[in-house]
Structure formats: structure tokens, C-alpha cells
Amino acid sequence: MVELTPNNLRYLMKEKGVKVIDVADALNISLESTYPKIRENRFSIEQVRQLGRLLNEDFIIKKGD
């Protein structure tokens, strides 16, 4: 399990060759709205699940984040 933080997400994306457009497609959102979500770590629970499937990871979310 990996804590979902902007740095960890960017690292995993780079490591696994996942581009921002891939994240946007997986979350079914625009590319323009994907950048702030990644930068500010503002994902819904369902989006976190979708990211987990895309990156083949289980994410931990700290309460209050």
C-alpha cells in the first residue's frame, strides 16, 4: 500500500509509464481538470479506486487530506 500524495502519484505514473492523459481517461475527466487534481491531491474515493486500478496499486488516504 502506498500513501496517495502528489509526489507519490507522480512517481508511480513515471515509473509505470502512465501519462496525465491516461489518468484523465481513467477518471473520465478533462485533461485540464486533471492537472490540479494531481497537484492538489483532490480525488473522490471512486477516483482513488480508479487510480489504483490504472496503476495497479492500493492507496492509503490519511484522514484530513
N, C-alpha and C. Protein backbone atom coordinates (compact mmCIF):
# COMPACT_ATOMS: atom_id res chain seq x y z
N MET A 1 0.84 -1.18 0.00
CA MET A 1 0.00 0.00 0.00
C MET A 1 0.88 1.24 0.00
N VAL A 2 0.42 2.23 -0.72
CA VAL A 2 1.16 3.47 -0.89
C VAL A 2 0.26 4.63 -0.48
N GLU A 3 0.81 5.57 0.28
CA GLU A 3 0.04 6.77 0.62
C GLU A 3 -0.15 7.61 -0.64
N LEU A 4 -1.39 8.02 -0.86
CA LEU A 4 -1.67 8.85 -2.03
C LEU A 4 -1.31 10.29 -1.73
N THR A 5 -0.18 10.71 -2.28
CA THR A 5 0.28 12.10 -2.20
C THR A 5 0.62 12.53 -3.63
N PRO A 6 0.65 13.83 -3.90
CA PRO A 6 1.02 14.26 -5.25
C PRO A 6 2.38 13.70 -5.70
N ASN A 7 3.36 13.71 -4.80
CA ASN A 7 4.69 13.21 -5.16
C ASN A 7 4.67 11.72 -5.45
N ASN A 8 4.00 10.95 -4.61
CA ASN A 8 3.92 9.51 -4.83
C ASN A 8 3.18 9.19 -6.12
N LEU A 9 2.11 9.92 -6.38
CA LEU A 9 1.35 9.69 -7.61
C LEU A 9 2.20 9.99 -8.84
N ARG A 10 2.88 11.11 -8.84
CA ARG A 10 3.74 11.45 -9.98
C ARG A 10 4.86 10.41 -10.15
N TYR A 11 5.43 9.96 -9.04
CA TYR A 11 6.49 8.95 -9.11
C TYR A 11 5.97 7.66 -9.74
N LEU A 12 4.82 7.19 -9.26
CA LEU A 12 4.24 5.96 -9.79
C LEU A 12 3.87 6.10 -11.26
N MET A 13 3.33 7.25 -11.62
CA MET A 13 2.99 7.47 -13.02
C MET A 13 4.25 7.37 -13.89
N LYS A 14 5.32 8.01 -13.46
CA LYS A 14 6.57 7.97 -14.23
C LYS A 14 7.12 6.54 -14.28
N GLU A 15 7.13 5.88 -13.14
CA GLU A 15 7.66 4.52 -13.06
C GLU A 15 6.91 3.54 -13.96
N LYS A 16 5.61 3.74 -14.08
CA LYS A 16 4.78 2.80 -14.83
C LYS A 16 4.43 3.30 -16.23
N GLY A 17 4.99 4.46 -16.60
CA GLY A 17 4.76 4.98 -17.95
C GLY A 17 3.35 5.49 -18.18
N VAL A 18 2.70 5.92 -17.13
CA VAL A 18 1.33 6.45 -17.23
C VAL A 18 1.40 7.96 -17.39
N LYS A 19 0.76 8.46 -18.42
CA LYS A 19 0.76 9.89 -18.69
C LYS A 19 -0.50 10.54 -18.11
N VAL A 20 -0.46 11.86 -18.01
CA VAL A 20 -1.60 12.60 -17.45
C VAL A 20 -2.86 12.32 -18.26
N ILE A 21 -2.72 12.19 -19.57
CA ILE A 21 -3.89 11.89 -20.42
C ILE A 21 -4.48 10.53 -20.05
N ASP A 22 -3.64 9.58 -19.65
CA ASP A 22 -4.13 8.27 -19.22
C ASP A 22 -4.95 8.39 -17.94
N VAL A 23 -4.48 9.25 -17.03
CA VAL A 23 -5.22 9.49 -15.79
C VAL A 23 -6.55 10.15 -16.11
N ALA A 24 -6.54 11.15 -16.97
CA ALA A 24 -7.78 11.83 -17.35
C ALA A 24 -8.78 10.85 -17.95
N ASP A 25 -8.29 9.99 -18.83
CA ASP A 25 -9.17 8.99 -19.45
C ASP A 25 -9.73 8.03 -18.41
N ALA A 26 -8.87 7.56 -17.50
CA ALA A 26 -9.32 6.61 -16.47
C ALA A 26 -10.35 7.22 -15.55
N LEU A 27 -10.21 8.53 -15.27
CA LEU A 27 -11.14 9.21 -14.37
C LEU A 27 -12.33 9.81 -15.12
N ASN A 28 -12.27 9.74 -16.44
CA ASN A 28 -13.32 10.30 -17.29
C ASN A 28 -13.53 11.80 -17.02
N ILE A 29 -12.40 12.51 -16.96
CA ILE A 29 -12.43 13.96 -16.76
C ILE A 29 -11.54 14.61 -17.81
N SER A 30 -11.65 15.92 -17.94
CA SER A 30 -10.84 16.62 -18.94
C SER A 30 -9.38 16.65 -18.51
N LEU A 31 -8.53 16.79 -19.50
CA LEU A 31 -7.10 16.90 -19.23
C LEU A 31 -6.82 18.13 -18.37
N GLU A 32 -7.51 19.23 -18.66
CA GLU A 32 -7.30 20.48 -17.93
C GLU A 32 -7.65 20.35 -16.45
N SER A 33 -8.65 19.56 -16.12
CA SER A 33 -9.02 19.41 -14.71
C SER A 33 -8.19 18.34 -14.00
N THR A 34 -7.44 17.56 -14.77
CA THR A 34 -6.61 16.52 -14.18
C THR A 34 -5.37 17.10 -13.50
N TYR A 35 -4.76 18.10 -14.11
CA TYR A 35 -3.54 18.69 -13.54
C TYR A 35 -3.75 19.21 -12.11
N PRO A 36 -4.80 20.02 -11.85
CA PRO A 36 -4.97 20.48 -10.47
C PRO A 36 -5.31 19.35 -9.50
N LYS A 37 -6.02 18.34 -9.97
CA LYS A 37 -6.34 17.22 -9.09
C LYS A 37 -5.05 16.52 -8.63
N ILE A 38 -4.14 16.33 -9.56
CA ILE A 38 -2.87 15.69 -9.22
C ILE A 38 -2.06 16.61 -8.30
N ARG A 39 -1.98 17.88 -8.64
CA ARG A 39 -1.17 18.84 -7.88
C ARG A 39 -1.71 19.03 -6.46
N GLU A 40 -3.04 19.07 -6.32
CA GLU A 40 -3.66 19.36 -5.02
C GLU A 40 -4.17 18.11 -4.30
N ASN A 41 -4.02 16.95 -4.95
CA ASN A 41 -4.45 15.68 -4.35
C ASN A 41 -5.93 15.72 -3.97
N ARG A 42 -6.76 16.14 -4.91
CA ARG A 42 -8.20 16.31 -4.69
C ARG A 42 -8.98 15.27 -5.50
N PHE A 43 -8.99 14.05 -5.00
CA PHE A 43 -9.70 12.97 -5.68
C PHE A 43 -10.82 12.44 -4.81
N SER A 44 -11.93 12.08 -5.46
CA SER A 44 -13.00 11.41 -4.73
C SER A 44 -12.56 9.98 -4.43
N ILE A 45 -13.28 9.34 -3.56
CA ILE A 45 -12.95 7.94 -3.23
C ILE A 45 -13.01 7.07 -4.48
N GLU A 46 -14.01 7.27 -5.29
CA GLU A 46 -14.12 6.48 -6.53
C GLU A 46 -12.95 6.77 -7.46
N GLN A 47 -12.51 8.00 -7.54
CA GLN A 47 -11.36 8.33 -8.37
C GLN A 47 -10.09 7.68 -7.84
N VAL A 48 -9.96 7.59 -6.52
CA VAL A 48 -8.81 6.91 -5.93
C VAL A 48 -8.83 5.43 -6.33
N ARG A 49 -10.00 4.84 -6.31
CA ARG A 49 -10.12 3.43 -6.74
C ARG A 49 -9.72 3.28 -8.20
N GLN A 50 -10.17 4.21 -9.04
CA GLN A 50 -9.82 4.17 -10.46
C GLN A 50 -8.32 4.34 -10.66
N LEU A 51 -7.71 5.24 -9.91
CA LEU A 51 -6.26 5.41 -9.98
C LEU A 51 -5.54 4.14 -9.57
N GLY A 52 -6.04 3.50 -8.53
CA GLY A 52 -5.46 2.24 -8.08
C GLY A 52 -5.50 1.18 -9.15
N ARG A 53 -6.63 1.09 -9.85
CA ARG A 53 -6.73 0.11 -10.94
C ARG A 53 -5.78 0.47 -12.08
N LEU A 54 -5.71 1.75 -12.42
CA LEU A 54 -4.84 2.19 -13.50
C LEU A 54 -3.37 1.89 -13.20
N LEU A 55 -2.97 2.15 -11.96
CA LEU A 55 -1.56 2.00 -11.58
C LEU A 55 -1.26 0.66 -10.90
N ASN A 56 -2.28 -0.16 -10.74
CA ASN A 56 -2.12 -1.45 -10.08
C ASN A 56 -1.51 -1.29 -8.68
N GLU A 57 -2.10 -0.38 -7.91
CA GLU A 57 -1.63 -0.07 -6.56
C GLU A 57 -2.83 0.05 -5.63
N ASP A 58 -2.60 -0.20 -4.36
CA ASP A 58 -3.58 0.09 -3.32
C ASP A 58 -3.11 1.35 -2.61
N PHE A 59 -3.99 2.34 -2.54
CA PHE A 59 -3.62 3.61 -1.94
C PHE A 59 -4.19 3.76 -0.54
N ILE A 60 -3.42 4.41 0.31
CA ILE A 60 -3.84 4.81 1.65
C ILE A 60 -4.09 6.31 1.60
N ILE A 61 -5.19 6.72 2.18
CA ILE A 61 -5.50 8.15 2.26
C ILE A 61 -5.56 8.52 3.73
N LYS A 62 -4.74 9.46 4.14
CA LYS A 62 -4.76 9.90 5.54
C LYS A 62 -5.98 10.77 5.76
N LYS A 63 -6.63 10.58 6.88
CA LYS A 63 -7.80 11.38 7.23
C LYS A 63 -7.40 12.85 7.32
N GLY A 64 -8.23 13.70 6.73
CA GLY A 64 -7.96 15.13 6.74
C GLY A 64 -7.21 15.60 5.51
N ASP A 65 -6.73 14.67 4.68
CA ASP A 65 -6.03 15.05 3.44
C ASP A 65 -7.03 15.31 2.35
